Amino acid sequence: MLTARQRPAPWTGHGDVAVRITPDARALERGRPAEGQQPDTDPVALVLIHPDTETALTSTLQCARTRIHGAWTGTYRLLTHAFAGRPLPADIDLTI
């Protein structure tokens, strides 16, 4: 897990992403780009999803590419709010 956290696989614009929902937090959440999202767009339109059930946890959010940690891997599941049994903050802002 430490290797995945320190050297994340780059996100190529396709597939799920690991997203930092607060700039200074260690937690990561699983995000899925909106249907038809162009790979090189900034910000990226995405929905945060539950890491296990793939249920949408938010509506579509605009996410600055700087908030994307890398491509999602199952290892990051241990760093999510869902794994810790905590709800996501109500005021998520991924634009900065």
PDB file of N, CA and C in Angstrom:
ATOM      1  N   MET A   1       0.829  -1.184   0.000  1.00  0.00           N
ATOM      2  CA  MET A   1       0.000   0.000   0.000  1.00  0.00           C
ATOM      3  C   MET A   1       0.880   1.257   0.000  1.00  0.00           C
ATOM      4  N   LEU A   2       1.973   1.224   0.736  1.00  0.00           N
ATOM      5  CA  LEU A   2       2.831   2.400   0.782  1.00  0.00           C
ATOM      6  C   LEU A   2       3.436   2.707  -0.579  1.00  0.00           C
ATOM      7  N   THR A   3       3.822   1.680  -1.303  1.00  0.00           N
ATOM      8  CA  THR A   3       4.377   1.896  -2.644  1.00  0.00           C
ATOM      9  C   THR A   3       3.334   2.511  -3.553  1.00  0.00           C
ATOM     10  N   ALA A   4       2.116   1.997  -3.508  1.00  0.00           N
ATOM     11  CA  ALA A   4       1.034   2.533  -4.343  1.00  0.00           C
ATOM     12  C   ALA A   4       0.745   3.982  -3.971  1.00  0.00           C
ATOM     13  N   ARG A   5       0.829   4.307  -2.717  1.00  0.00           N
ATOM     14  CA  ARG A   5       0.571   5.677  -2.257  1.00  0.00           C
ATOM     15  C   ARG A   5       1.700   6.620  -2.677  1.00  0.00           C
ATOM     16  N   GLN A   6       2.949   6.161  -2.579  1.00  0.00           N
ATOM     17  CA  GLN A   6       4.094   7.012  -2.896  1.00  0.00           C
ATOM     18  C   GLN A   6       4.376   7.109  -4.392  1.00  0.00           C
ATOM     19  N   ARG A   7       4.117   6.045  -5.117  1.00  0.00           N
ATOM     20  CA  ARG A   7       4.354   6.038  -6.564  1.00  0.00           C
ATOM     21  C   ARG A   7       3.099   5.550  -7.299  1.00  0.00           C
ATOM     22  N   PRO A   8       2.092   6.406  -7.379  1.00  0.00           N
ATOM     23  CA  PRO A   8       0.846   5.984  -8.018  1.00  0.00           C
ATOM     24  C   PRO A   8       1.016   5.784  -9.516  1.00  0.00           C
ATOM     25  N   ALA A   9       0.219   4.874 -10.042  1.00  0.00           N
ATOM     26  CA  ALA A   9       0.186   4.693 -11.496  1.00  0.00           C
ATOM     27  C   ALA A   9      -0.462   5.926 -12.098  1.00  0.00           C
ATOM     28  N   PRO A  10       0.130   6.493 -13.130  1.00  0.00           N
ATOM     29  CA  PRO A  10      -0.473   7.696 -13.719  1.00  0.00           C
ATOM     30  C   PRO A  10      -1.842   7.404 -14.301  1.00  0.00           C
ATOM     31  N   TRP A  11      -2.715   8.387 -14.209  1.00  0.00           N
ATOM     32  CA  TRP A  11      -4.038   8.249 -14.805  1.00  0.00           C
ATOM     33  C   TRP A  11      -3.955   8.718 -16.247  1.00  0.00           C
ATOM     34  N   THR A  12      -4.382   7.890 -17.164  1.00  0.00           N
ATOM     35  CA  THR A  12      -4.278   8.173 -18.593  1.00  0.00           C
ATOM     36  C   THR A  12      -5.499   8.867 -19.170  1.00  0.00           C
ATOM     37  N   GLY A  13      -6.479   9.143 -18.324  1.00  0.00           N
ATOM     38  CA  GLY A  13      -7.707   9.758 -18.811  1.00  0.00           C
ATOM     39  C   GLY A  13      -8.820   8.746 -19.001  1.00  0.00           C
ATOM     40  N   HIS A  14      -8.523   7.476 -18.761  1.00  0.00           N
ATOM     41  CA  HIS A  14      -9.514   6.403 -18.897  1.00  0.00           C
ATOM     42  C   HIS A  14      -9.523   5.577 -17.621  1.00  0.00           C
ATOM     43  N   GLY A  15     -10.691   5.122 -17.222  1.00  0.00           N
ATOM     44  CA  GLY A  15     -10.811   4.303 -16.022  1.00  0.00           C
ATOM     45  C   GLY A  15     -10.983   5.146 -14.771  1.00  0.00           C
ATOM     46  N   ASP A  16     -11.148   4.462 -13.647  1.00  0.00           N
ATOM     47  CA  ASP A  16     -11.385   5.130 -12.369  1.00  0.00           C
ATOM     48  C   ASP A  16     -10.116   5.788 -11.844  1.00  0.00           C
ATOM     49  N   VAL A  17     -10.309   6.796 -10.990  1.00  0.00           N
ATOM     50  CA  VAL A  17      -9.201   7.560 -10.431  1.00  0.00           C
ATOM     51  C   VAL A  17      -9.230   7.532  -8.915  1.00  0.00           C
ATOM     52  N   ALA A  18      -8.072   7.725  -8.309  1.00  0.00           N
ATOM     53  CA  ALA A  18      -7.967   7.945  -6.877  1.00  0.00           C
ATOM     54  C   ALA A  18      -7.902   9.459  -6.693  1.00  0.00           C
ATOM     55  N   VAL A  19      -8.813  10.000  -5.883  1.00  0.00           N
ATOM     56  CA  VAL A  19      -8.956  11.443  -5.730  1.00  0.00           C
ATOM     57  C   VAL A  19      -8.745  11.840  -4.272  1.00  0.00           C
ATOM     58  N   ARG A  20      -7.974  12.897  -4.053  1.00  0.00           N
ATOM     59  CA  ARG A  20      -7.838  13.483  -2.717  1.00  0.00           C
ATOM     60  C   ARG A  20      -9.000  14.462  -2.560  1.00  0.00           C
ATOM     61  N   ILE A  21      -9.909  14.197  -1.613  1.00  0.00           N
ATOM     62  CA  ILE A  21     -11.073  15.080  -1.492  1.00  0.00           C
ATOM     63  C   ILE A  21     -10.779  16.302  -0.648  1.00  0.00           C
ATOM     64  N   THR A  22      -9.688  16.286   0.109  1.00  0.00           N
ATOM     65  CA  THR A  22      -9.203  17.488   0.774  1.00  0.00           C
ATOM     66  C   THR A  22      -7.720  17.603   0.445  1.00  0.00           C
ATOM     67  N   PRO A  23      -7.236  18.791   0.171  1.00  0.00           N
ATOM     68  CA  PRO A  23      -5.851  18.953  -0.285  1.00  0.00           C
ATOM     69  C   PRO A  23      -4.791  18.392   0.660  1.00  0.00           C
ATOM     70  N   ASP A  24      -5.033  18.447   1.973  1.00  0.00           N
ATOM     71  CA  ASP A  24      -4.015  18.046   2.935  1.00  0.00           C
ATOM     72  C   ASP A  24      -4.254  16.673   3.565  1.00  0.00           C
ATOM     73  N   ALA A  25      -5.268  15.954   3.124  1.00  0.00           N
ATOM     74  CA  ALA A  25      -5.612  14.673   3.747  1.00  0.00           C
ATOM     75  C   ALA A  25      -4.890  13.500   3.084  1.00  0.00           C
ATOM     76  N   ARG A  26      -4.766  12.440   3.827  1.00  0.00           N
ATOM     77  CA  ARG A  26      -4.187  11.210   3.285  1.00  0.00           C
ATOM     78  C   ARG A  26      -5.246  10.319   2.658  1.00  0.00           C
ATOM     79  N   ALA A  27      -6.502  10.586   2.977  1.00  0.00           N
ATOM     80  CA  ALA A  27      -7.585   9.764   2.449  1.00  0.00           C
ATOM     81  C   ALA A  27      -7.717   9.943   0.944  1.00  0.00           C
ATOM     82  N   LEU A  28      -8.079   8.879   0.285  1.00  0.00           N
ATOM     83  CA  LEU A  28      -8.351   8.898  -1.149  1.00  0.00           C
ATOM     84  C   LEU A  28      -9.739   8.316  -1.361  1.00  0.00           C
ATOM     85  N   GLU A  29     -10.405   8.786  -2.387  1.00  0.00           N
ATOM     86  CA  GLU A  29     -11.718   8.248  -2.743  1.00  0.00           C
ATOM     87  C   GLU A  29     -11.675   7.783  -4.189  1.00  0.00           C
ATOM     88  N   ARG A  30     -12.565   6.879  -4.515  1.00  0.00           N
ATOM     89  CA  ARG A  30     -12.657   6.362  -5.877  1.00  0.00           C
ATOM     90  C   ARG A  30     -13.589   7.250  -6.690  1.00  0.00           C
ATOM     91  N   GLY A  31     -13.092   7.736  -7.808  1.00  0.00           N
ATOM     92  CA  GLY A  31     -13.882   8.572  -8.692  1.00  0.00           C
ATOM     93  C   GLY A  31     -14.000   7.943 -10.069  1.00  0.00           C
ATOM     94  N   ARG A  32     -15.128   8.164 -10.694  1.00  0.00           N
ATOM     95  CA  ARG A  32     -15.352   7.645 -12.045  1.00  0.00           C
ATOM     96  C   ARG A  32     -15.712   8.812 -12.950  1.00  0.00           C
ATOM     97  N   PRO A  33     -14.929   9.033 -14.012  1.00  0.00           N
ATOM     98  CA  PRO A  33     -15.240  10.121 -14.945  1.00  0.00           C
ATOM     99  C   PRO A  33     -16.635   9.962 -15.540  1.00  0.00           C
ATOM    100  N   ALA A  34     -17.264  11.101 -15.775  1.00  0.00           N
ATOM    101  CA  ALA A  34     -18.596  11.107 -16.377  1.00  0.00           C
ATOM    102  C   ALA A  34     -18.536  10.521 -17.781  1.00  0.00           C
ATOM    103  N   GLU A  35     -19.639   9.953 -18.194  1.00  0.00           N
ATOM    104  CA  GLU A  35     -19.755   9.378 -19.541  1.00  0.00           C
ATOM    105  C   GLU A  35     -19.392  10.422 -20.580  1.00  0.00           C
ATOM    106  N   GLY A  36     -18.529  10.067 -21.516  1.00  0.00           N
ATOM    107  CA  GLY A  36     -18.146  10.977 -22.585  1.00  0.00           C
ATOM    108  C   GLY A  36     -17.066  11.977 -22.199  1.00  0.00           C
ATOM    109  N   GLN A  37     -16.521  11.842 -20.999  1.00  0.00           N
ATOM    110  CA  GLN A  37     -15.465  12.754 -20.533  1.00  0.00           C
ATOM    111  C   GLN A  37     -14.235  12.615 -21.428  1.00  0.00           C
ATOM    112  N   GLN A  38     -13.724  13.732 -21.908  1.00  0.00           N
ATOM    113  CA  GLN A  38     -12.510  13.729 -22.729  1.00  0.00           C
ATOM    114  C   GLN A  38     -11.291  13.534 -21.821  1.00  0.00           C
ATOM    115  N   PRO A  39     -10.317  12.708 -22.219  1.00  0.00           N
ATOM    116  CA  PRO A  39      -9.171  12.392 -21.358  1.00  0.00           C
ATOM    117  C   PRO A  39      -8.306  13.579 -20.957  1.00  0.00           C
ATOM    118  N   ASP A  40      -8.250  14.622 -21.762  1.00  0.00           N
ATOM    119  CA  ASP A  40      -7.347  15.738 -21.474  1.00  0.00           C
ATOM    120  C   ASP A  40      -8.051  16.971 -20.897  1.00  0.00           C
ATOM    121  N   THR A  41      -9.277  16.836 -20.483  1.00  0.00           N
ATOM    122  CA  THR A  41     -10.054  17.954 -19.956  1.00  0.00           C
ATOM    123  C   THR A  41      -9.605  18.320 -18.541  1.00  0.00           C
ATOM    124  N   ASP A  42      -9.606  19.603 -18.247  1.00  0.00           N
ATOM    125  CA  ASP A  42      -9.352  20.080 -16.894  1.00  0.00           C
ATOM    126  C   ASP A  42     -10.296  21.248 -16.642  1.00  0.00           C
ATOM    127  N   PRO A  43     -11.208  21.135 -15.709  1.00  0.00           N
ATOM    128  CA  PRO A  43     -11.378  20.078 -14.725  1.00  0.00           C
ATOM    129  C   PRO A  43     -12.053  18.837 -15.322  1.00  0.00           C
ATOM    130  N   VAL A  44     -11.968  17.757 -14.569  1.00  0.00           N
ATOM    131  CA  VAL A  44     -12.566  16.486 -14.958  1.00  0.00           C
ATOM    132  C   VAL A  44     -13.919  16.360 -14.271  1.00  0.00           C
ATOM    133  N   ALA A  45     -14.955  16.046 -15.029  1.00  0.00           N
ATOM    134  CA  ALA A  45     -16.271  15.797 -14.444  1.00  0.00           C
ATOM    135  C   ALA A  45     -16.292  14.341 -13.970  1.00  0.00           C
ATOM    136  N   LEU A  46     -16.512  14.154 -12.669  1.00  0.00           N
ATOM    137  CA  LEU A  46     -16.535  12.783 -12.156  1.00  0.00           C
ATOM    138  C   LEU A  46     -17.520  12.636 -11.018  1.00  0.00           C
ATOM    139  N   VAL A  47     -17.816  11.385 -10.713  1.00  0.00           N
ATOM    140  CA  VAL A  47     -18.711  11.022  -9.617  1.00  0.00           C
ATOM    141  C   VAL A  47     -17.900  10.177  -8.647  1.00  0.00           C
ATOM    142  N   LEU A  48     -17.981  10.464  -7.355  1.00  0.00           N
ATOM    143  CA  LEU A  48     -17.328   9.617  -6.367  1.00  0.00           C
ATOM    144  C   LEU A  48     -18.198   8.390  -6.162  1.00  0.00           C
ATOM    145  N   ILE A  49     -17.571   7.233  -6.154  1.00  0.00           N
ATOM    146  CA  ILE A  49     -18.318   5.981  -6.012  1.00  0.00           C
ATOM    147  C   ILE A  49     -17.778   5.167  -4.843  1.00  0.00           C
ATOM    148  N   HIS A  50     -18.630   4.303  -4.311  1.00  0.00           N
ATOM    149  CA  HIS A  50     -18.239   3.414  -3.216  1.00  0.00           C
ATOM    150  C   HIS A  50     -17.195   2.438  -3.759  1.00  0.00           C
ATOM    151  N   PRO A  51     -16.101   2.223  -3.034  1.00  0.00           N
ATOM    152  CA  PRO A  51     -15.033   1.375  -3.557  1.00  0.00           C
ATOM    153  C   PRO A  51     -15.402  -0.091  -3.731  1.00  0.00           C
ATOM    154  N   ASP A  52     -16.422  -0.566  -3.018  1.00  0.00           N
ATOM    155  CA  ASP A  52     -16.805  -1.975  -3.111  1.00  0.00           C
ATOM    156  C   ASP A  52     -18.043  -2.202  -3.966  1.00  0.00           C
ATOM    157  N   THR A  53     -19.076  -1.390  -3.744  1.00  0.00           N
ATOM    158  CA  THR A  53     -20.350  -1.626  -4.420  1.00  0.00           C
ATOM    159  C   THR A  53     -20.490  -0.850  -5.722  1.00  0.00           C
ATOM    160  N   GLU A  54     -19.596   0.119  -5.949  1.00  0.00           N
ATOM    161  CA  GLU A  54     -19.626   0.988  -7.122  1.00  0.00           C
ATOM    162  C   GLU A  54     -20.896   1.837  -7.195  1.00  0.00           C
ATOM    163  N   THR A  55     -21.546   2.042  -6.059  1.00  0.00           N
ATOM    164  CA  THR A  55     -22.704   2.916  -5.961  1.00  0.00           C
ATOM    165  C   THR A  55     -22.234   4.365  -5.955  1.00  0.00           C
ATOM    166  N   ALA A  56     -22.925   5.223  -6.693  1.00  0.00           N
ATOM    167  CA  ALA A  56     -22.579   6.646  -6.718  1.00  0.00           C
ATOM    168  C   ALA A  56     -22.818   7.249  -5.335  1.00  0.00           C
ATOM    169  N   LEU A  57     -21.827   7.981  -4.828  1.00  0.00           N
ATOM    170  CA  LEU A  57     -21.933   8.636  -3.527  1.00  0.00           C
ATOM    171  C   LEU A  57     -22.186  10.126  -3.662  1.00  0.00           C
ATOM    172  N   THR A  58     -21.938  10.680  -4.846  1.00  0.00           N
ATOM    173  CA  THR A  58     -22.139  12.105  -5.094  1.00  0.00           C
ATOM    174  C   THR A  58     -22.763  12.296  -6.466  1.00  0.00           C
ATOM    175  N   SER A  59     -23.223  13.492  -6.702  1.00  0.00           N
ATOM    176  CA  SER A  59     -23.605  13.851  -8.061  1.00  0.00           C
ATOM    177  C   SER A  59     -22.305  14.189  -8.797  1.00  0.00           C
ATOM    178  N   THR A  60     -22.397  14.624 -10.026  1.00  0.00           N
ATOM    179  CA  THR A  60     -21.205  14.948 -10.798  1.00  0.00           C
ATOM    180  C   THR A  60     -20.493  16.158 -10.198  1.00  0.00           C
ATOM    181  N   LEU A  61     -19.200  16.009  -9.976  1.00  0.00           N
ATOM    182  CA  LEU A  61     -18.362  17.066  -9.421  1.00  0.00           C
ATOM    183  C   LEU A  61     -17.322  17.478 -10.451  1.00  0.00           C
ATOM    184  N   GLN A  62     -16.913  18.732 -10.409  1.00  0.00           N
ATOM    185  CA  GLN A  62     -15.812  19.199 -11.247  1.00  0.00           C
ATOM    186  C   GLN A  62     -14.534  19.055 -10.417  1.00  0.00           C
ATOM    187  N   CYS A  63     -13.598  18.279 -10.920  1.00  0.00           N
ATOM    188  CA  CYS A  63     -12.386  17.957 -10.177  1.00  0.00           C
ATOM    189  C   CYS A  63     -11.154  18.466 -10.914  1.00  0.00           C
ATOM    190  N   ALA A  64     -10.377  19.325 -10.258  1.00  0.00           N
ATOM    191  CA  ALA A  64      -9.125  19.790 -10.834  1.00  0.00           C
ATOM    192  C   ALA A  64      -8.189  18.596 -10.988  1.00  0.00           C
ATOM    193  N   ARG A  65      -7.463  18.542 -12.087  1.00  0.00           N
ATOM    194  CA  ARG A  65      -6.550  17.420 -12.320  1.00  0.00           C
ATOM    195  C   ARG A  65      -5.491  17.309 -11.221  1.00  0.00           C
ATOM    196  N   THR A  66      -5.177  18.401 -10.565  1.00  0.00           N
ATOM    197  CA  THR A  66      -4.190  18.361  -9.486  1.00  0.00           C
ATOM    198  C   THR A  66      -4.677  17.562  -8.286  1.00  0.00           C
ATOM    199  N   ARG A  67      -5.988  17.335  -8.167  1.00  0.00           N
ATOM    200  CA  ARG A  67      -6.556  16.548  -7.061  1.00  0.00           C
ATOM    201  C   ARG A  67      -6.539  15.051  -7.356  1.00  0.00           C
ATOM    202  N   ILE A  68      -6.254  14.685  -8.602  1.00  0.00           N
ATOM    203  CA  ILE A  68      -6.213  13.267  -8.975  1.00  0.00           C
ATOM    204  C   ILE A  68      -4.855  12.705  -8.566  1.00  0.00           C
ATOM    205  N   HIS A  69      -4.873  11.726  -7.693  1.00  0.00           N
ATOM    206  CA  HIS A  69      -3.648  11.100  -7.193  1.00  0.00           C
ATOM    207  C   HIS A  69      -3.060  10.161  -8.236  1.00  0.00           C
ATOM    208  N   GLY A  70      -3.907   9.469  -8.959  1.00  0.00           N
ATOM    209  CA  GLY A  70      -3.465   8.516  -9.975  1.00  0.00           C
ATOM    210  C   GLY A  70      -4.596   7.584 -10.333  1.00  0.00           C
ATOM    211  N   ALA A  71      -4.274   6.545 -11.067  1.00  0.00           N
ATOM    212  CA  ALA A  71      -5.272   5.536 -11.436  1.00  0.00           C
ATOM    213  C   ALA A  71      -5.697   4.777 -10.181  1.00  0.00           C
ATOM    214  N   TRP A  72      -6.988   4.436 -10.098  1.00  0.00           N
ATOM    215  CA  TRP A  72      -7.509   3.707  -8.946  1.00  0.00           C
ATOM    216  C   TRP A  72      -6.997   2.282  -8.961  1.00  0.00           C
ATOM    217  N   THR A  73      -6.546   1.817  -7.798  1.00  0.00           N
ATOM    218  CA  THR A  73      -6.220   0.408  -7.601  1.00  0.00           C
ATOM    219  C   THR A  73      -6.914  -0.032  -6.321  1.00  0.00           C
ATOM    220  N   GLY A  74      -7.159  -1.320  -6.192  1.00  0.00           N
ATOM    221  CA  GLY A  74      -7.837  -1.856  -5.018  1.00  0.00           C
ATOM    222  C   GLY A  74      -7.114  -1.565  -3.709  1.00  0.00           C
ATOM    223  N   THR A  75      -5.818  -1.338  -3.788  1.00  0.00           N
ATOM    224  CA  THR A  75      -5.030  -1.023  -2.598  1.00  0.00           C
ATOM    225  C   THR A  75      -5.538   0.234  -1.909  1.00  0.00           C
ATOM    226  N   TYR A  76      -6.021   1.189  -2.672  1.00  0.00           N
ATOM    227  CA  TYR A  76      -6.491   2.453  -2.110  1.00  0.00           C
ATOM    228  C   TYR A  76      -7.775   2.305  -1.306  1.00  0.00           C
ATOM    229  N   ARG A  77      -8.470   1.196  -1.437  1.00  0.00           N
ATOM    230  CA  ARG A  77      -9.721   0.969  -0.707  1.00  0.00           C
ATOM    231  C   ARG A  77      -9.542   1.213   0.789  1.00  0.00           C
ATOM    232  N   LEU A  78      -8.379   0.841   1.324  1.00  0.00           N
ATOM    233  CA  LEU A  78      -8.110   0.996   2.752  1.00  0.00           C
ATOM    234  C   LEU A  78      -8.033   2.452   3.191  1.00  0.00           C
ATOM    235  N   LEU A  79      -7.917   3.374   2.248  1.00  0.00           N
ATOM    236  CA  LEU A  79      -7.780   4.795   2.561  1.00  0.00           C
ATOM    237  C   LEU A  79      -9.068   5.584   2.358  1.00  0.00           C
ATOM    238  N   THR A  80     -10.179   4.905   2.081  1.00  0.00           N
ATOM    239  CA  THR A  80     -11.432   5.593   1.790  1.00  0.00           C
ATOM    240  C   THR A  80     -12.274   5.822   3.051  1.00  0.00           C
ATOM    241  N   HIS A  81     -13.172   6.794   2.962  1.00  0.00           N
ATOM    242  CA  HIS A  81     -14.127   7.038   4.041  1.00  0.00           C
ATOM    243  C   HIS A  81     -15.015   5.812   4.249  1.00  0.00           C
ATOM    244  N   ALA A  82     -15.410   5.158   3.153  1.00  0.00           N
ATOM    245  CA  ALA A  82     -16.296   3.997   3.254  1.00  0.00           C
ATOM    246  C   ALA A  82     -15.646   2.883   4.070  1.00  0.00           C
ATOM    247  N   PHE A  83     -14.373   2.613   3.844  1.00  0.00           N
ATOM    248  CA  PHE A  83     -13.676   1.573   4.593  1.00  0.00           C
ATOM    249  C   PHE A  83     -13.633   1.915   6.077  1.00  0.00           C
ATOM    250  N   ALA A  84     -13.450   3.198   6.396  1.00  0.00           N
ATOM    251  CA  ALA A  84     -13.392   3.643   7.790  1.00  0.00           C
ATOM    252  C   ALA A  84     -14.780   3.761   8.417  1.00  0.00           C
ATOM    253  N   GLY A  85     -15.838   3.569   7.606  1.00  0.00           N
ATOM    254  CA  GLY A  85     -17.197   3.665   8.133  1.00  0.00           C
ATOM    255  C   GLY A  85     -17.660   5.086   8.358  1.00  0.00           C
ATOM    256  N   ARG A  86     -17.029   6.045   7.665  1.00  0.00           N
ATOM    257  CA  ARG A  86     -17.399   7.453   7.807  1.00  0.00           C
ATOM    258  C   ARG A  86     -18.064   7.943   6.527  1.00  0.00           C
ATOM    259  N   PRO A  87     -19.047   8.838   6.662  1.00  0.00           N
ATOM    260  CA  PRO A  87     -19.652   9.420   5.457  1.00  0.00           C
ATOM    261  C   PRO A  87     -18.710  10.453   4.845  1.00  0.00           C
ATOM    262  N   LEU A  88     -18.905  10.726   3.575  1.00  0.00           N
ATOM    263  CA  LEU A  88     -18.155  11.792   2.922  1.00  0.00           C
ATOM    264  C   LEU A  88     -18.599  13.136   3.476  1.00  0.00           C
ATOM    265  N   PRO A  89     -17.704  14.116   3.517  1.00  0.00           N
ATOM    266  CA  PRO A  89     -18.115  15.464   3.937  1.00  0.00           C
ATOM    267  C   PRO A  89     -19.191  15.995   3.002  1.00  0.00           C
ATOM    268  N   ALA A  90     -20.098  16.791   3.536  1.00  0.00           N
ATOM    269  CA  ALA A  90     -21.216  17.317   2.742  1.00  0.00           C
ATOM    270  C   ALA A  90     -20.783  18.395   1.772  1.00  0.00           C
ATOM    271  N   ASP A  91     -19.697  19.079   2.052  1.00  0.00           N
ATOM    272  CA  ASP A  91     -19.285  20.235   1.252  1.00  0.00           C
ATOM    273  C   ASP A  91     -18.012  19.970   0.435  1.00  0.00           C
ATOM    274  N   ILE A  92     -17.989  18.897  -0.311  1.00  0.00           N
ATOM    275  CA  ILE A  92     -16.808  18.555  -1.105  1.00  0.00           C
ATOM    276  C   ILE A  92     -16.624  19.547  -2.238  1.00  0.00           C
ATOM    277  N   ASP A  93     -15.436  20.135  -2.311  1.00  0.00           N
ATOM    278  CA  ASP A  93     -15.090  21.048  -3.397  1.00  0.00           C
ATOM    279  C   ASP A  93     -13.752  20.599  -3.979  1.00  0.00           C
ATOM    280  N   LEU A  94     -13.787  20.063  -5.176  1.00  0.00           N
ATOM    281  CA  LEU A  94     -12.583  19.527  -5.803  1.00  0.00           C
ATOM    282  C   LEU A  94     -12.004  20.464  -6.854  1.00  0.00           C
ATOM    283  N   THR A  95     -12.493  21.694  -6.888  1.00  0.00           N
ATOM    284  CA  THR A  95     -12.082  22.598  -7.953  1.00  0.00           C
ATOM    285  C   THR A  95     -10.694  23.200  -7.760  1.00  0.00           C
ATOM    286  N   ILE A  96     -10.134  23.108  -6.574  1.00  0.00           N
ATOM    287  CA  ILE A  96      -8.795  23.662  -6.332  1.00  0.00           C
ATOM    288  C   ILE A  96      -7.839  22.611  -5.845  1.00  0.00           C
TER     289      ILE A  96
END
